[in-house]
């Protein structure tokens, strides 16, 4: 059974979450995890080369294949990762979703589990609104949204870090100087495992 982890990451934080999600899903018996990155816009590719930080991240994941419509169609479940932009997903991720009307007409996504994970610069920079607003198109596609229950270790906390019922998240910092807390990665891993387990149950 194929589980797709598709993400967009400019400064590496969502990439780290994606790797944790991948690890969690891969730990479920019978699961094949497919990791894909969202196609980049040409003008942003040019900007990446001008940023030392972004260029270093690009070198880390440039060889990961871009997500295709076939990848989306073949997956039994999908986990979407995106940074937040003004409380919503990045345009690159929205573009990928906007390319799916042909699959939508066929009912390709109906009944498939979906999870969401994100990153923001600040504590209240969209860690909850981004997954929440991203649910709307996924519901239009007929997907089943899978969140993170508070029974997951690390979810109940008072410190400034990520993790909400809507999905794993992490704080990047105003200058992208922060790294995901171990608990953030553990929650991401838990979501990957949870989505994979639910996909297996639904298929059985």
Protein backbone atom coordinates (compact mmCIF):
# COMPACT_ATOMS: atom_id res chain seq x y z
CA UNK A 1 0.00 0.00 0.00
CA UNK A 2 1.42 3.38 -1.04
CA UNK A 3 1.36 6.33 1.32
CA UNK A 4 2.39 9.63 -0.25
CA UNK A 5 4.22 12.31 1.72
CA UNK A 6 4.26 15.46 -0.40
CA UNK A 7 5.80 18.65 0.94
CA UNK A 8 7.15 22.10 0.12
CA UNK A 9 10.16 23.38 2.04
CA UNK A 10 12.26 26.46 1.39
CA UNK A 11 14.36 26.65 4.55
CA UNK A 12 14.29 23.02 5.64
CA UNK A 13 11.87 22.93 8.55
CA UNK A 14 9.01 21.26 6.69
CA UNK A 15 11.54 18.90 5.11
CA UNK A 16 12.54 17.72 8.59
CA UNK A 17 8.90 17.21 9.52
CA UNK A 18 8.35 15.33 6.26
CA UNK A 19 11.19 12.96 7.07
CA UNK A 20 9.66 12.30 10.50
CA UNK A 21 6.23 11.71 8.94
CA UNK A 22 7.86 9.35 6.44
CA UNK A 23 9.52 7.42 9.27
CA UNK A 24 6.25 7.05 11.15
CA UNK A 25 4.33 5.78 8.13
CA UNK A 26 7.14 3.43 7.08
CA UNK A 27 6.99 1.73 10.47
CA UNK A 28 3.55 0.29 9.70
CA UNK A 29 3.56 -3.19 8.18
CA UNK A 30 2.66 -3.36 4.51
CA UNK A 31 3.27 0.34 3.84
CA UNK A 32 5.43 1.74 1.05
CA UNK A 33 6.13 5.43 1.61
CA UNK A 34 6.59 7.65 -1.43
CA UNK A 35 8.30 10.97 -0.65
CA UNK A 36 7.76 13.79 -3.15
CA UNK A 37 8.42 17.52 -3.18
CA UNK A 38 6.05 20.09 -4.65
CA UNK A 39 7.25 21.56 -7.98
CA UNK A 40 8.96 24.92 -7.49
CA UNK A 41 8.09 28.10 -9.40
CA UNK A 42 10.78 29.22 -11.88
CA UNK A 43 11.18 32.67 -10.33
CA UNK A 44 11.62 31.19 -6.85
CA UNK A 45 14.27 28.82 -8.20
CA UNK A 46 16.23 31.92 -9.21
CA UNK A 47 15.76 33.47 -5.75
CA UNK A 48 16.92 30.27 -4.04
CA UNK A 49 20.33 30.58 -5.69
CA UNK A 50 20.70 34.03 -4.12
CA UNK A 51 20.08 32.79 -0.57
CA UNK A 52 22.82 30.81 1.16
CA UNK A 53 20.34 29.14 3.53
CA UNK A 54 17.73 28.29 0.90
CA UNK A 55 20.40 27.08 -1.51
CA UNK A 56 21.79 24.70 1.12
CA UNK A 57 18.34 23.22 1.70
CA UNK A 58 17.79 22.92 -2.06
CA UNK A 59 20.95 20.82 -2.30
CA UNK A 60 19.57 18.51 0.38
CA UNK A 61 16.37 17.63 -1.47
CA UNK A 62 16.78 18.58 -5.13
CA UNK A 63 17.03 14.89 -6.07
CA UNK A 64 13.70 14.00 -4.48
CA UNK A 65 11.25 13.64 -7.40
CA UNK A 66 8.58 16.26 -7.94
CA UNK A 67 5.05 15.19 -7.15
CA UNK A 68 2.96 14.25 -10.17
CA UNK A 69 -0.77 13.71 -10.60
CA UNK A 70 0.02 10.00 -10.93
CA UNK A 71 1.64 10.06 -7.48
CA UNK A 72 -1.51 11.61 -6.04
CA UNK A 73 -3.79 9.12 -7.79
CA UNK A 74 -1.84 6.01 -6.81
CA UNK A 75 -1.58 6.79 -3.10
CA UNK A 76 -3.98 5.17 -0.63
CA UNK A 77 -3.36 8.08 1.77
CA UNK A 78 -1.58 11.42 1.51
CA UNK A 79 0.24 13.62 4.01
CA UNK A 80 0.70 17.24 2.91
CA UNK A 81 3.43 19.46 4.35
CA UNK A 82 3.69 23.20 3.77
CA UNK A 83 5.07 26.32 5.44
CA UNK A 84 2.50 28.96 6.28
CA UNK A 85 2.10 32.09 4.18
CA UNK A 86 -0.23 34.63 5.78
CA UNK A 87 -2.10 31.86 7.59
CA UNK A 88 -2.47 29.61 4.57
CA UNK A 89 -0.53 27.09 2.48
CA UNK A 90 2.16 28.22 0.05
CA UNK A 91 1.09 28.97 -3.53
CA UNK A 92 3.20 26.07 -4.80
CA UNK A 93 1.13 23.57 -2.80
CA UNK A 94 -2.12 25.26 -3.82
CA UNK A 95 -1.03 24.99 -7.45
CA UNK A 96 -0.54 21.24 -7.06
CA UNK A 97 -4.01 20.85 -5.57
CA UNK A 98 -5.51 23.10 -8.23
CA UNK A 99 -4.24 20.69 -10.90
CA UNK A 100 -6.51 17.87 -9.68
CA UNK A 101 -9.97 18.57 -11.23
CA UNK A 102 -9.61 15.58 -13.55
CA UNK A 103 -8.94 13.31 -10.58
CA UNK A 104 -11.70 14.99 -8.57
CA UNK A 105 -14.27 14.22 -11.29
CA UNK A 106 -13.25 10.56 -11.14
CA UNK A 107 -13.59 10.47 -7.34
CA UNK A 108 -9.95 9.46 -7.04
CA UNK A 109 -9.43 10.95 -3.57
CA UNK A 110 -12.73 9.96 -2.00
CA UNK A 111 -12.36 8.01 1.21
CA UNK A 112 -8.57 8.36 1.39
CA UNK A 113 -7.02 9.55 4.69
CA UNK A 114 -5.15 12.85 4.63
CA UNK A 115 -2.86 14.51 7.18
CA UNK A 116 -1.36 18.01 7.25
CA UNK A 117 1.83 19.39 8.81
CA UNK A 118 3.26 22.91 8.74
CA UNK A 119 5.88 25.39 9.93
CA UNK A 120 5.72 29.08 10.75
CA UNK A 121 8.22 31.74 11.74
CA UNK A 122 6.44 32.67 14.98
CA UNK A 123 4.32 30.95 17.60
CA UNK A 124 1.09 32.42 16.26
CA UNK A 125 2.13 32.77 12.63
CA UNK A 126 -0.40 30.34 11.22
CA UNK A 127 0.34 27.01 12.89
CA UNK A 128 -3.36 26.36 13.34
CA UNK A 129 -4.94 28.39 10.53
CA UNK A 130 -2.74 26.85 7.84
CA UNK A 131 -3.84 23.23 8.38
CA UNK A 132 -7.37 24.40 9.12
CA UNK A 133 -7.73 26.34 5.87
CA UNK A 134 -5.93 23.60 3.96
CA UNK A 135 -8.60 21.13 5.00
CA UNK A 136 -11.19 22.86 2.80
CA UNK A 137 -9.90 21.70 -0.61
CA UNK A 138 -9.12 18.25 0.79
CA UNK A 139 -12.70 17.93 1.95
CA UNK A 140 -13.87 19.03 -1.49
CA UNK A 141 -11.81 16.16 -2.88
CA UNK A 142 -13.59 13.76 -0.53
CA UNK A 143 -10.61 12.97 1.69
CA UNK A 144 -10.84 11.94 5.34
CA UNK A 145 -8.91 14.37 7.55
CA UNK A 146 -6.71 12.76 10.21
CA UNK A 147 -5.54 14.96 13.06
CA UNK A 148 -3.38 14.47 16.14
CA UNK A 149 -5.23 13.52 19.35
CA UNK A 150 -4.06 14.77 22.72
CA UNK A 151 -3.26 11.20 23.72
CA UNK A 152 -0.12 11.51 21.58
CA UNK A 153 2.89 12.16 23.85
CA UNK A 154 4.09 15.76 23.70
CA UNK A 155 0.76 17.24 22.67
CA UNK A 156 -0.06 18.68 26.09
CA UNK A 157 2.55 21.39 26.70
CA UNK A 158 3.00 25.03 27.65
CA UNK A 159 6.32 25.84 26.00
CA UNK A 160 6.68 27.69 22.70
CA UNK A 161 6.80 24.88 20.14
CA UNK A 162 4.55 23.17 17.63
CA UNK A 163 1.80 20.58 17.66
CA UNK A 164 -1.97 21.07 17.50
CA UNK A 165 -4.96 18.76 16.98
CA UNK A 166 -4.97 19.90 13.34
CA UNK A 167 -1.48 18.56 12.65
CA UNK A 168 2.20 18.62 13.59
CA UNK A 169 4.03 21.93 13.30
CA UNK A 170 7.23 23.67 14.28
CA UNK A 171 8.52 27.21 14.85
CA UNK A 172 11.26 28.29 12.43
CA UNK A 173 12.11 31.65 14.00
CA UNK A 174 12.16 35.10 12.42
CA UNK A 175 15.50 34.37 10.77
CA UNK A 176 14.91 30.63 10.33
CA UNK A 177 17.41 30.13 13.13
CA UNK A 178 15.40 27.54 15.08
CA UNK A 179 15.24 23.80 14.54
CA UNK A 180 12.24 21.53 15.18
CA UNK A 181 12.06 20.43 18.80
CA UNK A 182 12.38 16.67 19.35
CA UNK A 183 8.74 16.66 20.46
CA UNK A 184 7.69 18.33 17.19
CA UNK A 185 9.35 15.55 15.22
CA UNK A 186 7.82 12.90 17.46
CA UNK A 187 4.35 14.31 16.83
CA UNK A 188 5.05 14.34 13.08
CA UNK A 189 6.16 10.73 13.27
CA UNK A 190 2.99 9.89 15.18
CA UNK A 191 0.82 11.47 12.48
CA UNK A 192 2.57 9.47 9.76
CA UNK A 193 1.99 6.28 11.70
CA UNK A 194 -1.61 7.19 12.47
CA UNK A 195 -2.50 7.96 8.83
CA UNK A 196 -0.86 4.73 7.66
CA UNK A 197 -2.66 2.64 10.27
CA UNK A 198 -6.01 4.17 9.37
CA UNK A 199 -5.36 3.57 5.66
CA UNK A 200 -4.68 -0.10 6.40
CA UNK A 201 -7.87 -0.43 8.44
CA UNK A 202 -9.96 1.23 5.75
CA UNK A 203 -8.56 -1.01 3.06
CA UNK A 204 -9.17 -4.14 5.14
